Amino acid sequence: MVKYPNAASGIKKMFLSRMVGIIGVVLAFIPFIGPFFTLVCAIAATIFNVWGILEASKDHNGY
C-alpha cells in the first residue's frame, strides 16, 4: 500500500480553506463588521488552498 503523507496534509489544508470560506459567508451577515470578516476569511481561505495544493503536489504528479 502506498502512503502519501504530503498529499494527505495538503488535502486537509484544502478542506480547511473550504470551511474558512463557509465561515466567511456566515459572518458576512453581521452588520458593520461583516464585510471585514468576510475579506479576512477570503484571504485566509485562498492562502490555505494554495498552500494545500503546493503541499499535496510534493508526493505525486497526479495531485
N, C-alpha and C. Protein backbone atom coordinates (compact mmCIF):
# COMPACT_ATOMS: atom_id res chain seq x y z
N MET A 1 0.84 -1.18 0.00
CA MET A 1 0.00 0.00 0.00
C MET A 1 0.89 1.24 0.00
N VAL A 2 0.56 2.19 -0.83
CA VAL A 2 1.35 3.40 -0.97
C VAL A 2 0.78 4.48 -0.05
N LYS A 3 1.67 5.14 0.67
CA LYS A 3 1.25 6.22 1.56
C LYS A 3 1.64 7.56 0.93
N TYR A 4 0.78 8.55 1.10
CA TYR A 4 1.02 9.89 0.59
C TYR A 4 0.85 10.89 1.74
N PRO A 5 1.86 11.04 2.61
CA PRO A 5 1.69 11.92 3.77
C PRO A 5 1.56 13.39 3.39
N ASN A 6 2.30 13.84 2.39
CA ASN A 6 2.19 15.24 1.98
C ASN A 6 0.84 15.51 1.32
N ALA A 7 0.37 14.55 0.55
CA ALA A 7 -0.93 14.73 -0.11
C ALA A 7 -2.05 14.78 0.92
N ALA A 8 -1.96 13.93 1.93
CA ALA A 8 -3.00 13.93 2.97
C ALA A 8 -3.00 15.26 3.72
N SER A 9 -1.84 15.75 4.05
CA SER A 9 -1.76 17.03 4.76
C SER A 9 -2.24 18.18 3.88
N GLY A 10 -1.91 18.15 2.60
CA GLY A 10 -2.35 19.18 1.68
C GLY A 10 -3.85 19.19 1.48
N ILE A 11 -4.44 18.00 1.40
CA ILE A 11 -5.88 17.91 1.22
C ILE A 11 -6.61 18.39 2.48
N LYS A 12 -6.02 18.15 3.65
CA LYS A 12 -6.60 18.67 4.89
C LYS A 12 -6.61 20.20 4.89
N LYS A 13 -5.52 20.78 4.39
CA LYS A 13 -5.46 22.25 4.30
C LYS A 13 -6.49 22.79 3.31
N MET A 14 -6.69 22.07 2.22
CA MET A 14 -7.69 22.49 1.25
C MET A 14 -9.10 22.38 1.84
N PHE A 15 -9.34 21.34 2.63
CA PHE A 15 -10.63 21.20 3.31
C PHE A 15 -10.82 22.35 4.31
N LEU A 16 -9.75 22.69 5.03
CA LEU A 16 -9.81 23.80 5.97
C LEU A 16 -10.14 25.10 5.25
N SER A 17 -9.59 25.28 4.04
CA SER A 17 -9.88 26.51 3.30
C SER A 17 -11.36 26.59 2.93
N ARG A 18 -11.98 25.47 2.63
CA ARG A 18 -13.42 25.48 2.34
C ARG A 18 -14.23 25.85 3.57
N MET A 19 -13.82 25.32 4.73
CA MET A 19 -14.53 25.63 5.97
C MET A 19 -14.38 27.11 6.33
N VAL A 20 -13.19 27.67 6.13
CA VAL A 20 -12.98 29.10 6.40
C VAL A 20 -13.83 29.93 5.46
N GLY A 21 -13.96 29.51 4.21
CA GLY A 21 -14.82 30.21 3.27
C GLY A 21 -16.28 30.20 3.68
N ILE A 22 -16.74 29.07 4.17
CA ILE A 22 -18.13 28.98 4.64
C ILE A 22 -18.35 29.87 5.85
N ILE A 23 -17.38 29.89 6.76
CA ILE A 23 -17.47 30.76 7.94
C ILE A 23 -17.51 32.22 7.50
N GLY A 24 -16.74 32.57 6.49
CA GLY A 24 -16.75 33.94 5.97
C GLY A 24 -18.09 34.35 5.42
N VAL A 25 -18.76 33.43 4.76
CA VAL A 25 -20.10 33.73 4.23
C VAL A 25 -21.09 33.96 5.36
N VAL A 26 -21.00 33.14 6.40
CA VAL A 26 -21.90 33.31 7.55
C VAL A 26 -21.63 34.64 8.25
N LEU A 27 -20.36 34.99 8.40
CA LEU A 27 -20.01 36.24 9.07
C LEU A 27 -20.36 37.47 8.26
N ALA A 28 -20.63 37.31 6.98
CA ALA A 28 -20.97 38.44 6.13
C ALA A 28 -22.27 39.11 6.54
N PHE A 29 -23.10 38.41 7.28
CA PHE A 29 -24.39 38.95 7.67
C PHE A 29 -24.35 39.78 8.95
N ILE A 30 -23.18 39.91 9.56
CA ILE A 30 -23.05 40.75 10.75
C ILE A 30 -22.98 42.20 10.30
N PRO A 31 -23.82 43.05 10.83
CA PRO A 31 -23.81 44.45 10.40
C PRO A 31 -22.48 45.15 10.74
N PHE A 32 -22.06 46.02 9.88
CA PHE A 32 -20.90 46.90 10.01
C PHE A 32 -19.56 46.19 9.92
N ILE A 33 -19.34 45.11 10.66
CA ILE A 33 -18.03 44.46 10.62
C ILE A 33 -18.02 43.19 9.78
N GLY A 34 -19.16 42.79 9.26
CA GLY A 34 -19.26 41.59 8.45
C GLY A 34 -18.40 41.61 7.20
N PRO A 35 -18.40 42.70 6.44
CA PRO A 35 -17.54 42.72 5.24
C PRO A 35 -16.06 42.57 5.55
N PHE A 36 -15.62 43.12 6.68
CA PHE A 36 -14.21 42.97 7.07
C PHE A 36 -13.89 41.51 7.35
N PHE A 37 -14.76 40.83 8.13
CA PHE A 37 -14.54 39.42 8.44
C PHE A 37 -14.58 38.56 7.17
N THR A 38 -15.46 38.91 6.27
CA THR A 38 -15.56 38.17 5.01
C THR A 38 -14.29 38.31 4.20
N LEU A 39 -13.75 39.51 4.14
CA LEU A 39 -12.50 39.73 3.41
C LEU A 39 -11.35 38.97 4.04
N VAL A 40 -11.26 39.00 5.35
CA VAL A 40 -10.19 38.27 6.04
C VAL A 40 -10.32 36.77 5.81
N CYS A 41 -11.53 36.25 5.88
CA CYS A 41 -11.75 34.82 5.65
C CYS A 41 -11.45 34.44 4.20
N ALA A 42 -11.78 35.30 3.26
CA ALA A 42 -11.50 35.01 1.85
C ALA A 42 -9.99 34.96 1.59
N ILE A 43 -9.26 35.88 2.19
CA ILE A 43 -7.81 35.88 2.02
C ILE A 43 -7.20 34.65 2.68
N ALA A 44 -7.66 34.32 3.88
CA ALA A 44 -7.14 33.13 4.58
C ALA A 44 -7.48 31.86 3.81
N ALA A 45 -8.68 31.77 3.27
CA ALA A 45 -9.07 30.58 2.50
C ALA A 45 -8.22 30.42 1.25
N THR A 46 -7.92 31.52 0.59
CA THR A 46 -7.07 31.46 -0.60
C THR A 46 -5.67 31.00 -0.25
N ILE A 47 -5.13 31.51 0.84
CA ILE A 47 -3.79 31.12 1.27
C ILE A 47 -3.75 29.63 1.62
N PHE A 48 -4.74 29.16 2.39
CA PHE A 48 -4.78 27.74 2.75
C PHE A 48 -4.96 26.86 1.52
N ASN A 49 -5.74 27.30 0.56
CA ASN A 49 -5.97 26.50 -0.64
C ASN A 49 -4.68 26.36 -1.46
N VAL A 50 -3.99 27.46 -1.68
CA VAL A 50 -2.74 27.41 -2.45
C VAL A 50 -1.69 26.61 -1.70
N TRP A 51 -1.61 26.81 -0.39
CA TRP A 51 -0.66 26.07 0.43
C TRP A 51 -0.95 24.57 0.37
N GLY A 52 -2.21 24.20 0.42
CA GLY A 52 -2.58 22.79 0.34
C GLY A 52 -2.25 22.18 -1.01
N ILE A 53 -2.48 22.91 -2.08
CA ILE A 53 -2.16 22.41 -3.42
C ILE A 53 -0.65 22.21 -3.56
N LEU A 54 0.12 23.18 -3.09
CA LEU A 54 1.58 23.06 -3.18
C LEU A 54 2.10 21.90 -2.34
N GLU A 55 1.52 21.70 -1.18
CA GLU A 55 1.96 20.60 -0.32
C GLU A 55 1.55 19.25 -0.88
N ALA A 56 0.35 19.16 -1.41
CA ALA A 56 -0.12 17.88 -1.96
C ALA A 56 0.65 17.50 -3.22
N SER A 57 1.13 18.47 -3.96
CA SER A 57 1.82 18.16 -5.21
C SER A 57 3.23 17.61 -4.99
N LYS A 58 3.72 17.61 -3.76
CA LYS A 58 5.06 17.08 -3.48
C LYS A 58 5.12 15.56 -3.61
N ASP A 59 4.01 14.87 -3.39
CA ASP A 59 4.03 13.42 -3.36
C ASP A 59 3.93 12.78 -4.75
N HIS A 60 3.04 13.28 -5.56
CA HIS A 60 2.77 12.59 -6.82
C HIS A 60 2.36 13.61 -7.86
N ASN A 61 2.66 13.33 -9.11
CA ASN A 61 2.32 14.25 -10.18
C ASN A 61 0.82 14.39 -10.39
N GLY A 62 0.04 13.41 -9.96
CA GLY A 62 -1.41 13.43 -10.15
C GLY A 62 -2.14 14.39 -9.22
N TYR A 63 -1.44 14.88 -8.19
CA TYR A 63 -2.11 15.77 -7.23
C TYR A 63 -1.93 17.18 -7.68
